[in-house]
N, C-alpha and C. Protein backbone atom coordinates (compact mmCIF):
# COMPACT_ATOMS: atom_id res chain seq x y z
N UNK A 1 89.81 90.17 162.52
CA UNK A 1 90.45 90.45 161.26
C UNK A 1 91.94 90.13 161.33
N UNK A 2 92.49 90.29 162.52
CA UNK A 2 93.90 89.97 162.69
C UNK A 2 94.20 88.52 162.35
N UNK A 3 93.19 87.65 162.54
CA UNK A 3 93.38 86.23 162.20
C UNK A 3 93.73 86.00 160.74
N UNK A 4 93.28 86.93 159.88
CA UNK A 4 93.54 86.79 158.44
C UNK A 4 94.55 87.84 157.95
N UNK A 5 95.26 88.46 158.90
CA UNK A 5 96.35 89.36 158.54
C UNK A 5 95.93 90.78 158.20
N UNK A 6 94.75 91.20 158.65
CA UNK A 6 94.29 92.56 158.37
C UNK A 6 94.22 93.33 159.69
N UNK A 7 95.00 94.40 159.78
CA UNK A 7 95.01 95.23 160.98
C UNK A 7 93.98 96.35 160.82
N UNK A 8 92.95 96.33 161.63
CA UNK A 8 91.91 97.35 161.56
C UNK A 8 91.96 98.29 162.75
N UNK A 9 93.07 98.27 163.46
CA UNK A 9 93.25 99.15 164.60
C UNK A 9 93.07 100.60 164.15
N UNK A 10 92.17 101.29 164.76
CA UNK A 10 91.95 102.70 164.44
C UNK A 10 91.13 102.95 163.19
N UNK A 11 90.70 101.90 162.51
CA UNK A 11 89.91 102.08 161.29
C UNK A 11 88.50 102.56 161.65
N UNK A 12 88.02 103.52 160.89
CA UNK A 12 86.66 104.03 161.08
C UNK A 12 86.01 104.20 159.71
N UNK A 13 84.70 104.03 159.64
CA UNK A 13 84.03 104.25 158.35
C UNK A 13 84.21 105.70 157.90
N UNK A 14 84.18 105.90 156.62
CA UNK A 14 84.27 107.27 156.09
C UNK A 14 83.31 107.41 154.91
N UNK A 15 83.01 108.63 154.61
CA UNK A 15 82.10 108.91 153.50
C UNK A 15 82.79 108.61 152.17
N UNK A 16 81.99 108.23 151.20
CA UNK A 16 82.48 108.06 149.83
C UNK A 16 82.46 109.44 149.19
N UNK A 17 83.62 109.88 148.70
CA UNK A 17 83.74 111.22 148.15
C UNK A 17 83.63 111.21 146.62
N UNK A 18 83.33 112.34 146.01
CA UNK A 18 83.30 112.40 144.55
C UNK A 18 84.58 111.90 143.88
N UNK A 19 85.78 112.21 144.40
CA UNK A 19 86.98 111.65 143.77
C UNK A 19 87.04 110.12 143.86
N UNK A 20 86.55 109.56 144.97
CA UNK A 20 86.48 108.10 145.08
C UNK A 20 85.61 107.53 143.97
N UNK A 21 84.47 108.15 143.79
CA UNK A 21 83.50 107.67 142.81
C UNK A 21 84.05 107.81 141.39
N UNK A 22 84.72 108.93 141.12
CA UNK A 22 85.27 109.15 139.78
C UNK A 22 86.36 108.13 139.46
N UNK A 23 87.12 107.71 140.46
CA UNK A 23 88.23 106.77 140.27
C UNK A 23 87.74 105.34 140.09
N UNK A 24 86.63 104.99 140.72
CA UNK A 24 86.20 103.59 140.82
C UNK A 24 85.36 103.12 139.64
N UNK A 25 85.47 101.81 139.38
CA UNK A 25 84.55 101.16 138.45
C UNK A 25 83.25 100.80 139.15
N UNK A 26 83.35 100.53 140.45
CA UNK A 26 82.21 100.11 141.25
C UNK A 26 82.40 100.62 142.67
N UNK A 27 81.36 101.19 143.25
CA UNK A 27 81.39 101.62 144.64
C UNK A 27 80.47 100.71 145.43
N UNK A 28 81.04 100.01 146.43
CA UNK A 28 80.26 99.13 147.29
C UNK A 28 80.20 99.77 148.67
N UNK A 29 79.00 99.94 149.17
CA UNK A 29 78.82 100.44 150.52
C UNK A 29 78.18 99.35 151.37
N UNK A 30 78.38 99.44 152.65
CA UNK A 30 77.84 98.45 153.58
C UNK A 30 76.69 99.10 154.34
N UNK A 31 75.48 98.55 154.12
CA UNK A 31 74.29 98.98 154.85
C UNK A 31 74.00 100.47 154.79
N UNK A 32 74.34 101.09 153.69
CA UNK A 32 74.01 102.50 153.51
C UNK A 32 73.95 102.79 152.02
N UNK A 33 73.52 103.95 151.69
CA UNK A 33 73.50 104.32 150.28
C UNK A 33 74.56 105.38 150.04
N UNK A 34 75.15 105.31 148.87
CA UNK A 34 76.12 106.34 148.50
C UNK A 34 75.42 107.32 147.58
N UNK A 35 75.82 108.55 147.70
CA UNK A 35 75.25 109.56 146.83
C UNK A 35 76.17 109.71 145.63
N UNK A 36 75.79 109.08 144.54
CA UNK A 36 76.57 109.15 143.32
C UNK A 36 75.91 110.15 142.39
N UNK A 37 76.72 111.05 141.86
CA UNK A 37 76.21 112.06 140.92
C UNK A 37 75.42 111.38 139.83
N UNK A 38 74.28 111.92 139.51
CA UNK A 38 73.40 111.33 138.50
C UNK A 38 74.10 111.17 137.15
N UNK A 39 75.11 112.00 136.88
CA UNK A 39 75.82 111.93 135.61
C UNK A 39 76.95 110.90 135.64
N UNK A 40 77.25 110.38 136.81
CA UNK A 40 78.35 109.41 136.94
C UNK A 40 77.97 108.10 136.28
N UNK A 41 78.97 107.47 135.69
CA UNK A 41 78.76 106.15 135.09
C UNK A 41 79.20 105.04 136.03
N UNK A 42 79.63 105.42 137.22
CA UNK A 42 80.10 104.45 138.21
C UNK A 42 78.93 103.63 138.74
N UNK A 43 79.10 102.30 138.71
CA UNK A 43 78.08 101.43 139.27
C UNK A 43 78.17 101.46 140.79
N UNK A 44 77.04 101.25 141.45
CA UNK A 44 77.03 101.18 142.91
C UNK A 44 76.32 99.91 143.36
N UNK A 45 76.71 99.44 144.52
CA UNK A 45 76.06 98.29 145.14
C UNK A 45 76.03 98.51 146.64
N UNK A 46 74.96 98.06 147.26
CA UNK A 46 74.84 98.13 148.72
C UNK A 46 74.80 96.70 149.23
N UNK A 47 75.74 96.37 150.09
CA UNK A 47 75.77 95.04 150.70
C UNK A 47 75.21 95.15 152.11
N UNK A 48 74.29 94.29 152.43
CA UNK A 48 73.72 94.25 153.78
C UNK A 48 74.52 93.25 154.61
N UNK A 49 74.97 93.71 155.75
CA UNK A 49 75.75 92.87 156.65
C UNK A 49 75.02 92.86 158.00
N UNK A 50 74.74 91.67 158.53
CA UNK A 50 74.04 91.61 159.81
C UNK A 50 74.86 92.22 160.96
N UNK A 51 74.16 92.75 161.93
CA UNK A 51 74.80 93.25 163.15
C UNK A 51 75.26 92.04 163.95
N UNK A 52 76.52 91.98 164.28
CA UNK A 52 77.06 90.81 164.97
C UNK A 52 77.38 91.08 166.44
N UNK A 53 77.04 92.27 166.89
CA UNK A 53 77.35 92.59 168.28
C UNK A 53 76.73 91.56 169.22
N UNK A 54 77.58 90.96 170.04
CA UNK A 54 77.13 89.96 170.99
C UNK A 54 77.02 88.56 170.43
N UNK A 55 77.24 88.41 169.12
CA UNK A 55 77.17 87.09 168.49
C UNK A 55 78.46 86.31 168.76
N UNK A 56 78.37 84.99 168.65
CA UNK A 56 79.59 84.19 168.83
C UNK A 56 80.60 84.46 167.72
N UNK A 57 81.86 84.27 168.06
CA UNK A 57 82.94 84.49 167.11
C UNK A 57 82.76 83.68 165.83
N UNK A 58 82.21 82.50 165.92
CA UNK A 58 82.04 81.67 164.72
C UNK A 58 81.12 82.36 163.72
N UNK A 59 80.08 83.03 164.20
CA UNK A 59 79.18 83.76 163.29
C UNK A 59 79.90 84.94 162.66
N UNK A 60 80.68 85.66 163.46
CA UNK A 60 81.43 86.81 162.93
C UNK A 60 82.41 86.35 161.86
N UNK A 61 83.08 85.24 162.11
CA UNK A 61 84.03 84.71 161.13
C UNK A 61 83.33 84.31 159.84
N UNK A 62 82.16 83.71 159.96
CA UNK A 62 81.42 83.29 158.76
C UNK A 62 81.03 84.51 157.92
N UNK A 63 80.61 85.58 158.57
CA UNK A 63 80.24 86.81 157.84
C UNK A 63 81.48 87.42 157.20
N UNK A 64 82.57 87.48 157.94
CA UNK A 64 83.83 88.00 157.39
C UNK A 64 84.25 87.21 156.15
N UNK A 65 84.15 85.89 156.24
CA UNK A 65 84.56 85.04 155.12
C UNK A 65 83.63 85.21 153.93
N UNK A 66 82.34 85.43 154.18
CA UNK A 66 81.38 85.65 153.08
C UNK A 66 81.70 86.97 152.37
N UNK A 67 82.04 88.00 153.13
CA UNK A 67 82.41 89.28 152.52
C UNK A 67 83.69 89.11 151.70
N UNK A 68 84.65 88.39 152.24
CA UNK A 68 85.89 88.13 151.51
C UNK A 68 85.62 87.44 150.18
N UNK A 69 84.73 86.49 150.19
CA UNK A 69 84.37 85.78 148.96
C UNK A 69 83.71 86.72 147.96
N UNK A 70 82.83 87.61 148.44
CA UNK A 70 82.18 88.57 147.55
C UNK A 70 83.22 89.50 146.92
N UNK A 71 84.19 89.95 147.72
CA UNK A 71 85.24 90.83 147.21
C UNK A 71 86.07 90.09 146.15
N UNK A 72 86.41 88.84 146.42
CA UNK A 72 87.17 88.05 145.45
C UNK A 72 86.40 87.87 144.15
N UNK A 73 85.10 87.61 144.26
CA UNK A 73 84.26 87.48 143.07
C UNK A 73 84.25 88.77 142.25
N UNK A 74 84.15 89.91 142.94
CA UNK A 74 84.18 91.19 142.23
C UNK A 74 85.53 91.43 141.57
N UNK A 75 86.60 91.09 142.26
CA UNK A 75 87.93 91.26 141.67
C UNK A 75 88.07 90.43 140.40
N UNK A 76 87.56 89.20 140.44
CA UNK A 76 87.58 88.36 139.24
C UNK A 76 86.73 88.96 138.13
N UNK A 77 85.56 89.44 138.49
CA UNK A 77 84.62 90.01 137.51
C UNK A 77 85.21 91.24 136.83
N UNK A 78 85.96 92.03 137.58
CA UNK A 78 86.54 93.26 137.03
C UNK A 78 87.97 93.07 136.54
N UNK A 79 88.42 91.81 136.50
CA UNK A 79 89.74 91.51 135.95
C UNK A 79 90.90 91.85 136.85
N UNK A 80 90.65 91.87 138.16
CA UNK A 80 91.73 92.19 139.11
C UNK A 80 92.02 91.01 140.04
N UNK A 81 91.50 89.84 139.71
CA UNK A 81 91.66 88.70 140.61
C UNK A 81 92.87 87.87 140.32
């Protein structure tokens, strides 16, 4: 990630909280489901990302770039691009 200017040192996954859900137009989780209150109007999406442990760097970069493209597409779709 450092190659593209993103420092993930010390980053760890965290749970999606009700305030996160209330604030967001869309909640995207990676390989898990989020528990969104049934009354919430927030859309959710689950993106499946392959396990890259032990894979060559080129495969990891391709997956990273695909996720980046998906995020850019969402930003455009929601008017934030």
